[in-house]
Amino acid sequence: MTGVSDRVVDRARGMRDLVQSEAAESERLRTLTSPIVDRMWASGLMCAFNPTAAGGVEPSFAEMIETWIEMAWQDGSFGWIGIANLPSAFAAATYLPEEGFAEVFTRNDNHVAIGGQDFPNGQGTVVDGGYRLSGAWNFGSGTAHSAYVACGFMPMDDGQVRWIGEGIPEMRVGFVPRDEITFTDGWFVQGLKGTGSYDYNAQDVFVPEYRTMPLFTREPFRGASAATRMGLMPVTAAGHPSWALGSPRACSMMSRISPPPRCE
């Protein structure tokens, strides 16, 4: 990508002025503004965590953490989007089989944002070639600008959960085009308004097998970084403490610039 830094954290740092100037509008809209999202694409930040085949640079795990801290330092909602959209696209690009990768990424020239919930709130009735998915999910951060929505689910055979081990049910994540998802919003909160963490549901939506992945897989179809062999859940889990490290830094900086009034 011409004119774009290979260091992911530099791509994030290049957005400081824009993110901070747009923060209030993101809060008002309850999702990131279009200028922020557009710059994430133009800078290469939105797809940076992806394997190179999906337009990314395959950063190290440490670089991912450094980037999340930087994004959270700039703005809490921007940082939260970093731990929502970036790992979701990373997982789909890394763990979907070839047919699914071609449909989601190649067909769209790798210009694909993904958000949603991986927790298996849904049920996927096993049918020929895939699943009939139904379920409801909360807190779908980053879904306002996502082309595909992640939906965690449990496959069901004749109404029964599939078991892959003693006491361990099979759990998968399906990636569903946004026009097949019903959004019910519900994101009326006091903090992190700009994350667009909408509630959503699916009713008897067909999801082909090739557009799903095992929730806990650590077997990449593409990508050579160590993170691809960790799996989605460890990567996602690292994002939350990274956000928690970045946000207090911003609060500390603001308190030095504008000290709170003294209580006499």
Protein backbone atom coordinates (compact mmCIF):
# COMPACT_ATOMS: atom_id res chain seq x y z
CA MET A 1 0.00 0.00 0.00
CA THR A 2 1.69 3.18 -1.23
CA GLY A 3 2.54 5.80 1.39
CA VAL A 4 1.46 3.63 4.30
CA SER A 5 3.74 2.71 7.19
CA ASP A 6 4.47 -0.96 7.82
CA ARG A 7 4.36 -0.25 11.56
CA VAL A 8 0.76 -0.60 12.61
CA VAL A 9 1.12 1.67 15.63
CA ASP A 10 2.37 4.46 13.33
CA ARG A 11 -0.82 4.15 11.31
CA ALA A 12 -2.79 4.64 14.51
CA ARG A 13 -0.63 7.56 15.67
CA GLY A 14 -1.24 9.29 12.37
CA MET A 15 -4.93 9.53 13.28
CA ARG A 16 -4.56 11.41 16.58
CA ASP A 17 -5.72 14.84 15.46
CA LEU A 18 -8.66 13.51 13.46
CA VAL A 19 -9.89 11.12 16.16
CA GLN A 20 -9.74 13.75 18.87
CA SER A 21 -11.50 16.36 16.72
CA GLU A 22 -14.26 13.88 15.81
CA ALA A 23 -14.71 12.34 19.28
CA ALA A 24 -17.68 14.46 20.31
CA GLU A 25 -19.49 13.78 17.01
CA SER A 26 -18.87 10.04 17.39
CA GLU A 27 -20.49 10.24 20.82
CA ARG A 28 -23.47 12.08 19.35
CA LEU A 29 -23.89 9.59 16.50
CA ARG A 30 -23.26 6.63 18.84
CA THR A 31 -20.77 5.18 16.35
CA LEU A 32 -17.50 6.33 14.79
CA THR A 33 -17.88 9.11 12.25
CA SER A 34 -17.35 8.48 8.55
CA PRO A 35 -14.11 10.55 8.44
CA ILE A 36 -12.57 8.29 11.12
CA VAL A 37 -13.63 5.09 9.38
CA ASP A 38 -12.47 6.40 6.00
CA ARG A 39 -9.06 7.31 7.45
CA MET A 40 -8.74 3.87 9.02
CA TRP A 41 -9.07 2.42 5.54
CA ALA A 42 -6.87 5.01 3.83
CA SER A 43 -4.08 4.54 6.39
CA GLY A 44 -4.32 0.75 6.22
CA LEU A 45 -5.17 0.53 9.93
CA MET A 46 -8.53 -1.20 9.44
CA CYS A 47 -6.98 -4.26 7.76
CA ALA A 48 -3.51 -4.10 9.34
CA PHE A 49 -3.90 -7.15 11.61
CA ASN A 50 -4.91 -9.35 8.67
CA PRO A 51 -2.66 -11.86 6.91
CA THR A 52 -0.90 -10.35 3.93
CA ALA A 53 -3.29 -12.20 1.61
CA ALA A 54 -6.08 -10.03 3.08
CA GLY A 55 -4.20 -6.73 2.86
CA GLY A 56 -2.56 -6.83 6.30
CA VAL A 57 1.01 -6.71 7.54
CA GLU A 58 0.77 -9.55 10.11
CA PRO A 59 2.05 -7.58 13.11
CA SER A 60 3.54 -9.33 16.10
CA PHE A 61 1.42 -9.85 19.19
CA ALA A 62 3.39 -7.10 20.95
CA GLU A 63 2.69 -4.71 18.07
CA MET A 64 -1.03 -5.48 18.31
CA ILE A 65 -0.98 -4.57 22.00
CA GLU A 66 0.99 -1.39 21.34
CA THR A 67 -1.55 -0.36 18.70
CA TRP A 68 -4.55 -0.99 20.96
CA ILE A 69 -2.97 1.07 23.75
CA GLU A 70 -2.35 3.94 21.32
CA MET A 71 -5.93 3.84 19.99
CA ALA A 72 -7.44 3.80 23.50
CA TRP A 73 -5.17 6.68 24.50
CA GLN A 74 -6.61 8.78 21.67
CA ASP A 75 -10.26 8.09 22.50
CA GLY A 76 -12.05 5.36 24.43
CA SER A 77 -14.53 4.54 21.68
CA PHE A 78 -11.83 4.53 19.00
CA GLY A 79 -9.78 2.16 21.14
CA TRP A 80 -12.74 -0.14 21.66
CA ILE A 81 -13.31 -0.33 17.92
CA GLY A 82 -9.67 -1.37 17.65
CA ILE A 83 -10.29 -4.42 19.84
CA ALA A 84 -13.55 -5.20 18.02
CA ASN A 85 -13.09 -4.75 14.27
CA LEU A 86 -9.41 -5.55 13.93
CA PRO A 87 -9.42 -8.99 15.63
CA SER A 88 -12.71 -9.96 13.93
CA ALA A 89 -11.30 -9.36 10.45
CA PHE A 90 -8.02 -10.99 11.50
CA ALA A 91 -9.89 -14.15 12.54
CA ALA A 92 -12.03 -14.40 9.42
CA ALA A 93 -9.07 -13.77 7.13
CA THR A 94 -6.91 -16.31 8.99
CA TYR A 95 -9.27 -19.19 9.76
CA LEU A 96 -11.90 -19.26 7.01
CA PRO A 97 -11.30 -21.95 4.39
CA GLU A 98 -10.47 -20.89 0.84
CA GLU A 99 -14.03 -20.64 -0.47
CA GLY A 100 -15.09 -18.47 2.46
CA PHE A 101 -11.99 -16.30 2.17
CA ALA A 102 -12.61 -15.77 -1.53
CA GLU A 103 -16.22 -14.74 -0.94
CA VAL A 104 -15.60 -12.42 2.01
CA PHE A 105 -12.21 -10.92 1.18
CA THR A 106 -11.04 -11.52 -2.38
CA ARG A 107 -14.39 -10.62 -3.94
CA ASN A 108 -14.36 -7.34 -1.99
CA ASP A 109 -10.71 -6.45 -2.69
CA ASN A 110 -10.00 -6.98 1.03
CA HIS A 111 -12.10 -3.89 1.88
CA VAL A 112 -14.08 -5.70 4.58
CA ALA A 113 -14.76 -4.59 8.13
CA ILE A 114 -16.22 -7.17 10.50
CA GLY A 115 -17.77 -6.70 13.94
CA GLY A 116 -20.12 -8.58 16.23
CA GLN A 117 -20.13 -11.20 18.95
CA ASP A 118 -18.32 -14.53 18.90
CA PHE A 119 -20.06 -15.84 22.05
CA PRO A 120 -22.31 -18.76 20.95
CA ASN A 121 -25.70 -17.18 21.65
CA GLY A 122 -27.07 -18.66 18.44
CA GLN A 123 -28.10 -22.11 17.31
CA GLY A 124 -27.21 -23.43 13.88
CA THR A 125 -29.41 -26.27 12.65
CA VAL A 126 -27.22 -28.51 10.52
CA VAL A 127 -28.44 -28.67 6.91
CA ASP A 128 -26.88 -29.67 3.62
CA GLY A 129 -23.90 -27.39 3.00
CA GLY A 130 -24.09 -25.40 6.21
CA TYR A 131 -26.42 -24.19 8.95
CA ARG A 132 -29.77 -22.45 9.44
CA LEU A 133 -28.77 -19.84 12.00
CA SER A 134 -31.05 -18.22 14.57
CA GLY A 135 -30.10 -16.22 17.64
CA ALA A 136 -29.74 -12.84 19.29
CA TRP A 137 -26.52 -11.10 20.29
CA ASN A 138 -25.71 -8.03 22.35
CA PHE A 139 -22.93 -5.45 22.20
CA GLY A 140 -21.97 -5.85 18.54
CA SER A 141 -19.21 -3.24 18.65
CA GLY A 142 -18.22 -1.79 15.29
CA THR A 143 -21.18 -3.27 13.40
CA ALA A 144 -22.38 0.12 12.10
CA HIS A 145 -19.60 0.13 9.48
CA SER A 146 -19.16 -3.64 9.09
CA ALA A 147 -19.92 -5.47 5.85
CA TYR A 148 -20.12 -8.81 7.68
CA VAL A 149 -21.31 -9.53 11.20
CA ALA A 150 -19.83 -12.24 13.42
CA CYS A 151 -22.38 -14.54 15.03
CA GLY A 152 -21.25 -17.18 17.53
CA PHE A 153 -23.39 -20.31 17.59
CA MET A 154 -23.67 -23.97 18.54
CA PRO A 155 -24.36 -26.46 15.74
CA MET A 156 -27.50 -28.55 16.38
CA ASP A 157 -28.15 -32.06 15.02
CA ASP A 158 -31.84 -32.99 15.28
CA GLY A 159 -32.26 -30.47 18.07
CA GLN A 160 -29.25 -31.73 20.00
CA VAL A 161 -25.96 -29.98 20.69
CA ARG A 162 -22.89 -31.50 19.05
CA TRP A 163 -20.24 -32.62 21.52
CA ILE A 164 -16.56 -32.60 20.59
CA GLY A 165 -15.27 -33.81 23.96
CA GLU A 166 -16.35 -34.74 27.45
CA GLY A 167 -18.65 -31.89 28.47
CA ILE A 168 -17.40 -29.68 25.60
CA PRO A 169 -19.96 -28.60 22.97
CA GLU A 170 -18.93 -27.61 19.47
CA MET A 171 -18.87 -23.82 19.08
CA ARG A 172 -18.46 -21.96 15.82
CA VAL A 173 -18.52 -18.41 14.47
CA GLY A 174 -20.45 -17.57 11.34
CA PHE A 175 -19.80 -14.46 9.25
CA VAL A 176 -23.09 -13.12 7.91
CA PRO A 177 -23.64 -10.30 5.38
CA ARG A 178 -25.07 -7.29 7.22
CA ASP A 179 -28.22 -7.19 5.03
CA GLU A 180 -29.18 -10.61 6.42
CA ILE A 181 -28.97 -9.34 10.01
CA THR A 182 -31.69 -7.47 11.92
CA PHE A 183 -30.32 -4.68 14.11
CA THR A 184 -32.36 -3.70 17.15
CA ASP A 185 -29.89 -1.09 18.41
CA GLY A 186 -30.30 -0.69 22.18
CA TRP A 187 -27.02 1.23 22.44
CA PHE A 188 -28.14 4.07 24.70
CA VAL A 189 -25.43 4.29 27.34
CA GLN A 190 -23.35 6.85 29.24
CA GLY A 191 -19.88 5.73 28.21
CA LEU A 192 -18.26 4.45 25.02
CA LYS A 193 -21.21 5.75 23.03
CA GLY A 194 -19.14 6.01 19.89
CA THR A 195 -18.59 2.25 19.58
CA GLY A 196 -21.94 1.53 17.90
CA SER A 197 -22.31 -1.64 19.99
CA TYR A 198 -25.77 -2.51 18.69
CA ASP A 199 -27.90 -5.52 19.57
CA TYR A 200 -28.80 -7.72 16.60
CA ASN A 201 -30.42 -11.01 15.67
CA ALA A 202 -30.74 -13.55 12.89
CA GLN A 203 -33.77 -15.69 12.12
CA ASP A 204 -33.31 -18.89 10.10
CA VAL A 205 -30.47 -17.43 8.02
CA PHE A 206 -28.52 -19.91 5.89
CA VAL A 207 -24.78 -19.73 6.56
CA PRO A 208 -22.61 -21.99 4.38
CA GLU A 209 -20.09 -24.15 6.20
CA TYR A 210 -17.24 -22.42 4.42
CA ARG A 211 -18.25 -19.07 5.95
CA THR A 212 -17.85 -20.42 9.49
CA MET A 213 -14.87 -21.29 11.69
CA PRO A 214 -14.39 -23.17 14.96
CA LEU A 215 -14.37 -20.67 17.83
CA PHE A 216 -11.21 -22.04 19.41
CA THR A 217 -9.25 -23.06 16.33
CA ARG A 218 -5.52 -22.40 16.22
CA GLU A 219 -4.94 -23.83 12.76
CA PRO A 220 -4.54 -20.98 10.25
CA PHE A 221 -5.28 -21.32 6.55
CA ARG A 222 -3.10 -18.29 5.89
CA GLY A 223 -0.71 -15.99 7.72
CA ALA A 224 2.70 -16.73 9.23
CA SER A 225 2.75 -14.61 12.39
CA ALA A 226 2.76 -16.22 15.81
CA ALA A 227 -0.63 -14.62 16.52
CA THR A 228 -2.26 -16.80 13.86
CA ARG A 229 -1.31 -19.88 15.89
CA MET A 230 -2.75 -18.44 19.11
CA GLY A 231 -6.34 -18.32 17.92
CA LEU A 232 -9.03 -15.67 18.08
CA MET A 233 -9.81 -15.85 21.79
CA PRO A 234 -6.30 -15.09 23.16
CA VAL A 235 -5.94 -12.22 20.70
CA THR A 236 -9.33 -10.78 21.64
CA ALA A 237 -8.67 -11.28 25.35
CA ALA A 238 -5.44 -9.28 25.11
CA GLY A 239 -7.31 -6.36 23.62
CA HIS A 240 -9.32 -5.61 26.74
CA PRO A 241 -6.41 -5.03 29.14
CA SER A 242 -4.64 -3.12 26.37
CA TRP A 243 -7.62 -0.78 26.16
CA ALA A 244 -7.54 -0.46 29.96
CA LEU A 245 -3.87 0.55 29.79
CA GLY A 246 -4.45 3.21 27.15
CA SER A 247 -7.54 4.94 28.50
CA PRO A 248 -6.12 5.94 31.90
CA ARG A 249 -3.13 7.48 30.13
CA ALA A 250 -5.53 9.77 28.29
CA CYS A 251 -7.30 10.65 31.54
CA SER A 252 -3.97 11.39 33.20
CA MET A 253 -2.91 13.63 30.32
CA MET A 254 -6.18 15.56 30.41
CA SER A 255 -5.97 16.03 34.17
CA ARG A 256 -2.54 17.62 33.74
CA ILE A 257 -3.85 19.92 31.03
CA SER A 258 -7.07 20.86 32.84
CA PRO A 259 -6.80 20.16 36.58
CA PRO A 260 -10.13 19.44 38.28
CA PRO A 261 -11.48 22.24 40.49
CA ARG A 262 -10.47 22.12 44.11
CA CYS A 263 -13.07 21.37 46.70
CA GLU A 264 -12.65 23.90 49.51
